[in-house]
Each structure stands twice: as C-alpha cells, then as structure tokens.
C-alpha cells in the first residue's frame, strides 16, 4: 500500500476542451441575451409608464380647463346676482 500518492488525472483531449469552451460560450451568449431582454423589458415598461403619466396629465389639464370655465361662469352669475340685488335694494329705498 502506498500512501500520499494519487493517480494522475487522465489527460483531457483537445476536442473535449474545445467542446467545453463552446458550451461555455453558448452559456455566456444565452446569459447575455437574457440580460439584454431584461433591460429591453424594463425600458418598455418605463416607456409605458411615461405614456400613462402623460395621458393622466392631459386628462388633468382638460379637467382644469373645464373647472376654470365653470368657475368663470359662476363668477359671472354671481356678479349678475349681486347687481340685481343692488338694483332691488335701490328700488326699495325711497328717500
């Protein structure tokens, strides 16, 4: 019995090493493609978010215009009402 000695590793042939390296290359390319796909998905998602924000802002702008028009109409109606009240008060005041 011999102690401390190990069997020498079987030599790996060049075609086996080449096949391993090609497999590694395929794996790296697949990982690269996956990473690029993740980034493209993130970009697309952010683009949709930006579009949705722009639509919401446009809706708010439209509501603001409608509110401003309603406010102007109310102000005009209040002014007319105040003038009528003043006219009625002046008719009732007999001096």
N, C-alpha and C. Protein backbone atom coordinates (compact mmCIF):
# COMPACT_ATOMS: atom_id res chain seq x y z
N UNK A 1 0.85 -1.16 0.00
CA UNK A 1 0.00 0.00 0.00
C UNK A 1 0.90 1.23 0.00
N UNK A 2 0.56 2.19 -0.89
CA UNK A 2 1.34 3.42 -0.95
C UNK A 2 0.50 4.56 -0.43
N UNK A 3 1.13 5.34 0.41
CA UNK A 3 0.42 6.50 0.97
C UNK A 3 0.93 7.77 0.32
N UNK A 4 0.01 8.75 0.18
CA UNK A 4 0.41 10.05 -0.34
C UNK A 4 0.48 10.11 -1.84
N UNK A 5 0.26 9.02 -2.48
CA UNK A 5 0.31 9.04 -3.94
C UNK A 5 -1.11 9.00 -4.48
N UNK A 6 -1.34 9.80 -5.47
CA UNK A 6 -2.64 9.77 -6.13
C UNK A 6 -2.42 9.40 -7.57
N UNK A 7 -3.47 8.90 -8.14
CA UNK A 7 -3.40 8.56 -9.55
C UNK A 7 -3.33 9.84 -10.37
N UNK A 8 -2.52 9.87 -11.37
CA UNK A 8 -2.51 11.05 -12.23
C UNK A 8 -3.84 11.17 -12.97
N UNK A 9 -4.27 12.42 -13.15
CA UNK A 9 -5.54 12.67 -13.84
C UNK A 9 -5.41 12.24 -15.28
N UNK A 10 -6.48 11.72 -15.77
CA UNK A 10 -6.47 11.32 -17.17
C UNK A 10 -6.38 12.56 -18.02
N UNK A 11 -5.53 12.55 -19.00
CA UNK A 11 -5.39 13.73 -19.85
C UNK A 11 -6.69 14.00 -20.60
N UNK A 12 -7.04 15.30 -20.67
CA UNK A 12 -8.24 15.71 -21.37
C UNK A 12 -7.84 16.02 -22.79
N UNK A 13 -8.56 15.44 -23.71
CA UNK A 13 -8.19 15.64 -25.11
C UNK A 13 -8.64 17.02 -25.57
N UNK A 14 -7.98 17.52 -26.56
CA UNK A 14 -8.27 18.84 -27.12
C UNK A 14 -9.71 18.96 -27.60
N UNK A 15 -10.28 17.94 -28.26
CA UNK A 15 -11.69 18.08 -28.67
C UNK A 15 -12.64 18.22 -27.49
N UNK A 16 -12.33 17.55 -26.34
CA UNK A 16 -13.18 17.69 -25.16
C UNK A 16 -13.10 19.10 -24.60
N UNK A 17 -11.92 19.65 -24.54
CA UNK A 17 -11.74 21.02 -24.05
C UNK A 17 -12.45 21.99 -24.98
N UNK A 18 -12.31 21.78 -26.27
CA UNK A 18 -12.97 22.65 -27.24
C UNK A 18 -14.49 22.58 -27.08
N UNK A 19 -15.03 21.41 -26.88
CA UNK A 19 -16.48 21.25 -26.67
C UNK A 19 -16.91 21.97 -25.40
N UNK A 20 -16.11 21.86 -24.34
CA UNK A 20 -16.43 22.55 -23.09
C UNK A 20 -16.45 24.06 -23.29
N UNK A 21 -15.47 24.56 -24.01
CA UNK A 21 -15.38 26.01 -24.24
C UNK A 21 -16.53 26.49 -25.12
N UNK A 22 -16.92 25.69 -26.10
CA UNK A 22 -18.08 26.05 -26.93
C UNK A 22 -19.35 26.06 -26.09
N UNK A 23 -19.48 25.11 -25.18
CA UNK A 23 -20.64 25.09 -24.28
C UNK A 23 -20.65 26.32 -23.38
N UNK A 24 -19.47 26.69 -22.90
CA UNK A 24 -19.37 27.90 -22.07
C UNK A 24 -19.76 29.13 -22.88
N UNK A 25 -19.29 29.19 -24.12
CA UNK A 25 -19.64 30.32 -24.98
C UNK A 25 -21.14 30.39 -25.20
N UNK A 26 -21.77 29.24 -25.44
CA UNK A 26 -23.23 29.21 -25.61
C UNK A 26 -23.93 29.70 -24.35
N UNK A 27 -23.42 29.28 -23.20
CA UNK A 27 -24.00 29.72 -21.93
C UNK A 27 -23.84 31.23 -21.74
N UNK A 28 -22.65 31.74 -22.04
CA UNK A 28 -22.43 33.19 -21.91
C UNK A 28 -23.34 33.97 -22.86
N UNK A 29 -23.48 33.48 -24.08
CA UNK A 29 -24.36 34.17 -25.04
C UNK A 29 -25.80 34.14 -24.57
N UNK A 30 -26.24 33.02 -24.02
CA UNK A 30 -27.60 32.93 -23.50
C UNK A 30 -27.80 33.89 -22.33
N UNK A 31 -26.81 33.97 -21.45
CA UNK A 31 -26.91 34.90 -20.32
C UNK A 31 -26.94 36.34 -20.81
N UNK A 32 -26.12 36.65 -21.82
CA UNK A 32 -26.11 37.98 -22.41
C UNK A 32 -27.48 38.31 -23.00
N UNK A 33 -28.01 37.38 -23.79
CA UNK A 33 -29.32 37.61 -24.42
C UNK A 33 -30.39 37.82 -23.36
N UNK A 34 -30.34 37.05 -22.28
CA UNK A 34 -31.32 37.20 -21.20
C UNK A 34 -31.18 38.58 -20.54
N UNK A 35 -29.95 39.00 -20.30
CA UNK A 35 -29.73 40.31 -19.68
C UNK A 35 -30.25 41.44 -20.58
N UNK A 36 -29.98 41.32 -21.88
CA UNK A 36 -30.46 42.34 -22.82
C UNK A 36 -31.99 42.35 -22.84
N UNK A 37 -32.60 41.17 -22.81
CA UNK A 37 -34.05 41.08 -22.79
C UNK A 37 -34.62 41.75 -21.54
N UNK A 38 -33.98 41.53 -20.39
CA UNK A 38 -34.43 42.17 -19.15
C UNK A 38 -34.39 43.69 -19.27
N UNK A 39 -33.29 44.20 -19.84
CA UNK A 39 -33.18 45.65 -20.00
C UNK A 39 -34.22 46.17 -20.96
N UNK A 40 -34.43 45.46 -22.07
CA UNK A 40 -35.45 45.89 -23.03
C UNK A 40 -36.84 45.88 -22.41
N UNK A 41 -37.13 44.86 -21.61
CA UNK A 41 -38.42 44.80 -20.92
C UNK A 41 -38.57 45.98 -19.95
N UNK A 42 -37.49 46.30 -19.24
CA UNK A 42 -37.53 47.43 -18.30
C UNK A 42 -37.75 48.74 -19.05
N UNK A 43 -37.06 48.90 -20.17
CA UNK A 43 -37.22 50.12 -20.98
C UNK A 43 -38.65 50.23 -21.48
N UNK A 44 -39.19 49.11 -21.98
CA UNK A 44 -40.57 49.12 -22.48
C UNK A 44 -41.55 49.47 -21.36
N UNK A 45 -41.34 48.88 -20.20
CA UNK A 45 -42.21 49.14 -19.06
C UNK A 45 -42.15 50.61 -18.64
N UNK A 46 -40.95 51.16 -18.60
CA UNK A 46 -40.80 52.57 -18.24
C UNK A 46 -41.42 53.46 -19.30
N UNK A 47 -41.31 53.07 -20.55
CA UNK A 47 -41.94 53.84 -21.63
C UNK A 47 -43.45 53.86 -21.48
N UNK A 48 -44.04 52.70 -21.16
CA UNK A 48 -45.49 52.65 -20.95
C UNK A 48 -45.88 53.49 -19.74
N UNK A 49 -45.08 53.46 -18.69
CA UNK A 49 -45.37 54.26 -17.50
C UNK A 49 -45.34 55.74 -17.85
N UNK A 50 -44.33 56.15 -18.60
CA UNK A 50 -44.22 57.55 -19.01
C UNK A 50 -45.42 57.96 -19.85
N UNK A 51 -45.84 57.09 -20.76
CA UNK A 51 -47.01 57.37 -21.60
C UNK A 51 -48.26 57.52 -20.75
N UNK A 52 -48.44 56.61 -19.79
CA UNK A 52 -49.61 56.68 -18.91
C UNK A 52 -49.60 57.96 -18.08
N UNK A 53 -48.44 58.37 -17.62
CA UNK A 53 -48.34 59.62 -16.85
C UNK A 53 -48.74 60.80 -17.73
N UNK A 54 -48.24 60.81 -18.97
CA UNK A 54 -48.58 61.90 -19.89
C UNK A 54 -50.08 61.95 -20.15
N UNK A 55 -50.71 60.79 -20.32
CA UNK A 55 -52.17 60.76 -20.52
C UNK A 55 -52.90 61.31 -19.31
N UNK A 56 -52.47 60.90 -18.13
CA UNK A 56 -53.11 61.37 -16.90
C UNK A 56 -52.95 62.89 -16.76
N UNK A 57 -51.78 63.38 -17.08
CA UNK A 57 -51.56 64.83 -17.00
C UNK A 57 -52.46 65.56 -18.00
N UNK A 58 -52.65 64.98 -19.19
CA UNK A 58 -53.53 65.59 -20.19
C UNK A 58 -54.97 65.62 -19.69
N UNK A 59 -55.40 64.52 -19.07
CA UNK A 59 -56.75 64.48 -18.50
C UNK A 59 -56.92 65.57 -17.44
N UNK A 60 -55.92 65.72 -16.59
CA UNK A 60 -55.97 66.75 -15.54
C UNK A 60 -56.06 68.13 -16.17
N UNK A 61 -55.28 68.36 -17.23
CA UNK A 61 -55.32 69.66 -17.92
C UNK A 61 -56.70 69.94 -18.48
N UNK A 62 -57.33 68.90 -19.05
CA UNK A 62 -58.68 69.09 -19.58
C UNK A 62 -59.67 69.40 -18.47
N UNK A 63 -59.56 68.70 -17.35
CA UNK A 63 -60.44 68.99 -16.21
C UNK A 63 -60.19 70.40 -15.67
N UNK A 64 -58.92 70.80 -15.65
CA UNK A 64 -58.61 72.15 -15.17
C UNK A 64 -59.27 73.20 -16.07
N UNK A 65 -59.24 72.98 -17.39
CA UNK A 65 -59.88 73.92 -18.31
C UNK A 65 -61.39 73.98 -18.06
N UNK A 66 -61.98 72.79 -17.88
CA UNK A 66 -63.43 72.75 -17.62
C UNK A 66 -63.76 73.42 -16.29
N UNK A 67 -62.94 73.17 -15.28
CA UNK A 67 -63.15 73.80 -13.97
C UNK A 67 -63.01 75.31 -14.07
N UNK A 68 -62.01 75.75 -14.82
CA UNK A 68 -61.80 77.20 -14.97
C UNK A 68 -62.98 77.83 -15.69
N UNK A 69 -63.50 77.16 -16.72
CA UNK A 69 -64.67 77.69 -17.44
C UNK A 69 -65.88 77.72 -16.51
N UNK A 70 -66.06 76.68 -15.71
CA UNK A 70 -67.17 76.64 -14.75
C UNK A 70 -67.02 77.73 -13.72
N UNK A 71 -65.79 77.92 -13.23
CA UNK A 71 -65.53 78.97 -12.25
C UNK A 71 -65.84 80.34 -12.83
N UNK A 72 -65.43 80.57 -14.09
CA UNK A 72 -65.70 81.86 -14.73
C UNK A 72 -67.21 82.07 -14.88
N UNK A 73 -67.93 81.00 -15.25
CA UNK A 73 -69.39 81.10 -15.37
C UNK A 73 -70.04 81.40 -14.04
N UNK A 74 -69.57 80.76 -12.98
CA UNK A 74 -70.11 81.03 -11.65
C UNK A 74 -69.82 82.46 -11.21
N UNK A 75 -68.64 82.92 -11.50
CA UNK A 75 -68.28 84.29 -11.13
C UNK A 75 -69.17 85.29 -11.86
N UNK A 76 -69.41 85.02 -13.13
CA UNK A 76 -70.28 85.90 -13.92
C UNK A 76 -71.71 85.88 -13.37
N UNK A 77 -72.20 84.68 -13.02
CA UNK A 77 -73.55 84.56 -12.46
C UNK A 77 -73.64 85.27 -11.12
N UNK A 78 -72.59 85.14 -10.30
CA UNK A 78 -72.59 85.84 -9.00
C UNK A 78 -72.61 87.35 -9.20
N UNK A 79 -71.83 87.85 -10.16
CA UNK A 79 -71.81 89.30 -10.42
C UNK A 79 -73.18 89.80 -10.86
N UNK A 80 -73.84 89.03 -11.74
CA UNK A 80 -75.19 89.42 -12.17
C UNK A 80 -76.15 89.43 -10.99
N UNK A 81 -76.05 88.40 -10.16
CA UNK A 81 -76.93 88.30 -8.99
C UNK A 81 -76.70 89.48 -8.05
N UNK A 82 -75.44 89.82 -7.82
CA UNK A 82 -75.12 90.96 -6.95
C UNK A 82 -75.67 92.27 -7.52
N UNK A 83 -75.61 92.42 -8.84
CA UNK A 83 -76.15 93.65 -9.46
C UNK A 83 -77.68 93.70 -9.31
N UNK A 84 -78.33 92.55 -9.48
CA UNK A 84 -79.79 92.50 -9.32
C UNK A 84 -80.16 92.84 -7.87
N UNK A 85 -79.45 92.26 -6.92
CA UNK A 85 -79.70 92.56 -5.51
C UNK A 85 -79.54 94.05 -5.25
N UNK A 86 -78.47 94.61 -5.78
CA UNK A 86 -78.23 96.06 -5.58
C UNK A 86 -79.36 96.87 -6.21
N UNK A 87 -79.82 96.47 -7.39
CA UNK A 87 -80.93 97.19 -8.05
C UNK A 87 -82.22 97.07 -7.24
N UNK A 88 -82.52 95.89 -6.74
CA UNK A 88 -83.72 95.71 -5.94
C UNK A 88 -83.64 96.54 -4.66
N UNK A 89 -82.46 96.56 -4.06
CA UNK A 89 -82.29 97.36 -2.83
C UNK A 89 -82.50 98.84 -3.14
N UNK A 90 -82.01 99.28 -4.27
CA UNK A 90 -82.16 100.70 -4.60
C UNK A 90 -83.62 101.03 -4.91
N UNK A 91 -84.39 100.08 -5.45
CA UNK A 91 -85.82 100.31 -5.71
C UNK A 91 -86.60 100.40 -4.40
N UNK A 92 -86.20 99.61 -3.41
CA UNK A 92 -86.89 99.62 -2.15
C UNK A 92 -86.52 100.81 -1.27
N UNK A 93 -85.42 101.39 -1.57
CA UNK A 93 -85.01 102.55 -0.77
C UNK A 93 -85.66 103.81 -1.33
N UNK A 94 -86.57 104.36 -0.57
CA UNK A 94 -87.23 105.58 -1.00
C UNK A 94 -86.77 106.67 -0.05
N UNK A 95 -86.02 107.56 -0.58
CA UNK A 95 -85.54 108.68 0.24
C UNK A 95 -86.04 109.97 -0.28
